[in-house]
């Protein structure tokens, strides 16, 4: 046991320092885990943005192809109308 006040105060001080170091370690581990989760979320968000960009690009390509097909159909329709007018 502790025989004197100075020894008791020293023991209490050591106990407080050890407790502070344990708390500091726990907070550090929590912050490191939080940083890892933030990094994973950022990676997921980047992948989602990449997928959206690819989808937007594919949609734009499809729209351009459809516009070209529609222009071709209009041209064919116009030529068919002209042929029908000449037949009348």
Protein backbone atom coordinates (compact mmCIF):
# COMPACT_ATOMS: atom_id res chain seq x y z
CA UNK A 1 0.00 0.00 0.00
CA UNK A 2 0.92 3.63 -0.21
CA UNK A 3 2.55 4.91 2.98
CA UNK A 4 2.69 8.66 2.40
CA UNK A 5 0.89 11.51 0.68
CA UNK A 6 3.62 12.20 -1.87
CA UNK A 7 3.56 8.57 -2.98
CA UNK A 8 -0.26 8.68 -3.21
CA UNK A 9 -0.16 11.88 -5.26
CA UNK A 10 2.53 10.40 -7.53
CA UNK A 11 0.48 7.21 -8.01
CA UNK A 12 -2.62 9.27 -8.78
CA UNK A 13 -0.60 11.34 -11.29
CA UNK A 14 0.72 8.22 -13.01
CA UNK A 15 -2.82 6.83 -13.13
CA UNK A 16 -4.10 10.04 -14.70
CA UNK A 17 -1.31 10.06 -17.29
CA UNK A 18 -1.99 6.42 -18.19
CA UNK A 19 -5.73 7.17 -18.46
CA UNK A 20 -5.01 10.19 -20.67
CA UNK A 21 -2.77 8.10 -22.94
CA UNK A 22 -5.43 5.39 -23.23
CA UNK A 23 -8.07 8.01 -24.08
CA UNK A 24 -5.70 9.59 -26.62
CA UNK A 25 -5.11 6.20 -28.24
CA UNK A 26 -8.86 5.49 -28.37
CA UNK A 27 -9.57 8.87 -29.99
CA UNK A 28 -6.77 8.28 -32.51
CA UNK A 29 -8.18 4.90 -33.44
CA UNK A 30 -11.65 6.41 -33.82
CA UNK A 31 -10.35 9.20 -36.05
CA UNK A 32 -8.36 6.72 -38.16
CA UNK A 33 -11.44 4.55 -38.65
CA UNK A 34 -13.48 7.62 -39.54
CA UNK A 35 -10.85 8.68 -42.09
CA UNK A 36 -10.91 5.21 -43.68
CA UNK A 37 -14.70 5.29 -43.94
CA UNK A 38 -14.55 8.78 -45.47
CA UNK A 39 -12.01 7.55 -48.01
CA UNK A 40 -14.23 4.57 -48.90
CA UNK A 41 -17.23 6.85 -49.33
CA UNK A 42 -15.18 9.18 -51.53
CA UNK A 43 -14.12 6.20 -53.68
CA UNK A 44 -17.72 5.04 -53.96
CA UNK A 45 -18.77 8.55 -54.96
CA UNK A 46 -16.02 8.71 -57.62
CA UNK A 47 -17.17 5.38 -59.04
CA UNK A 48 -20.76 6.61 -59.09
CA UNK A 49 -19.71 9.78 -60.91
CA UNK A 50 -17.73 7.71 -63.43
CA UNK A 51 -20.76 5.49 -64.05
CA UNK A 52 -22.98 8.53 -64.48
CA UNK A 53 -20.54 10.08 -66.95
CA UNK A 54 -20.45 6.84 -68.96
CA UNK A 55 -24.24 6.66 -68.91
CA UNK A 56 -24.51 10.29 -70.03
CA UNK A 57 -22.01 9.65 -72.84
CA UNK A 58 -23.86 6.52 -73.97
CA UNK A 59 -27.16 8.40 -73.87
CA UNK A 60 -25.69 11.22 -75.93
CA UNK A 61 -24.38 8.73 -78.50
CA UNK A 62 -27.79 7.04 -78.68
CA UNK A 63 -29.52 10.40 -79.13
CA UNK A 64 -27.14 11.33 -81.94
CA UNK A 65 -27.75 8.00 -83.67
CA UNK A 66 -31.50 8.44 -83.31
CA UNK A 67 -31.29 11.98 -84.70
CA UNK A 68 -29.32 10.67 -87.68
CA UNK A 69 -31.84 7.87 -88.21
CA UNK A 70 -34.72 10.34 -87.97
CA UNK A 71 -33.05 12.63 -90.52
CA UNK A 72 -32.63 9.66 -92.84
CA UNK A 73 -36.29 8.69 -92.40
CA UNK A 74 -37.36 12.25 -93.15
CA UNK A 75 -35.28 12.22 -96.31
CA UNK A 76 -36.79 8.90 -97.38
CA UNK A 77 -40.30 10.15 -96.60
CA UNK A 78 -39.67 13.27 -98.66
CA UNK A 79 -38.44 11.20 -101.61
CA UNK A 80 -41.43 8.84 -101.32
CA UNK A 81 -43.78 11.85 -101.28
CA UNK A 82 -42.11 13.21 -104.40
CA UNK A 83 -42.47 9.87 -106.13
CA UNK A 84 -46.15 9.68 -105.17
CA UNK A 85 -46.75 13.23 -106.45
CA UNK A 86 -45.23 12.33 -109.81
CA UNK A 87 -47.43 9.25 -110.04
CA UNK A 88 -50.65 11.25 -109.46
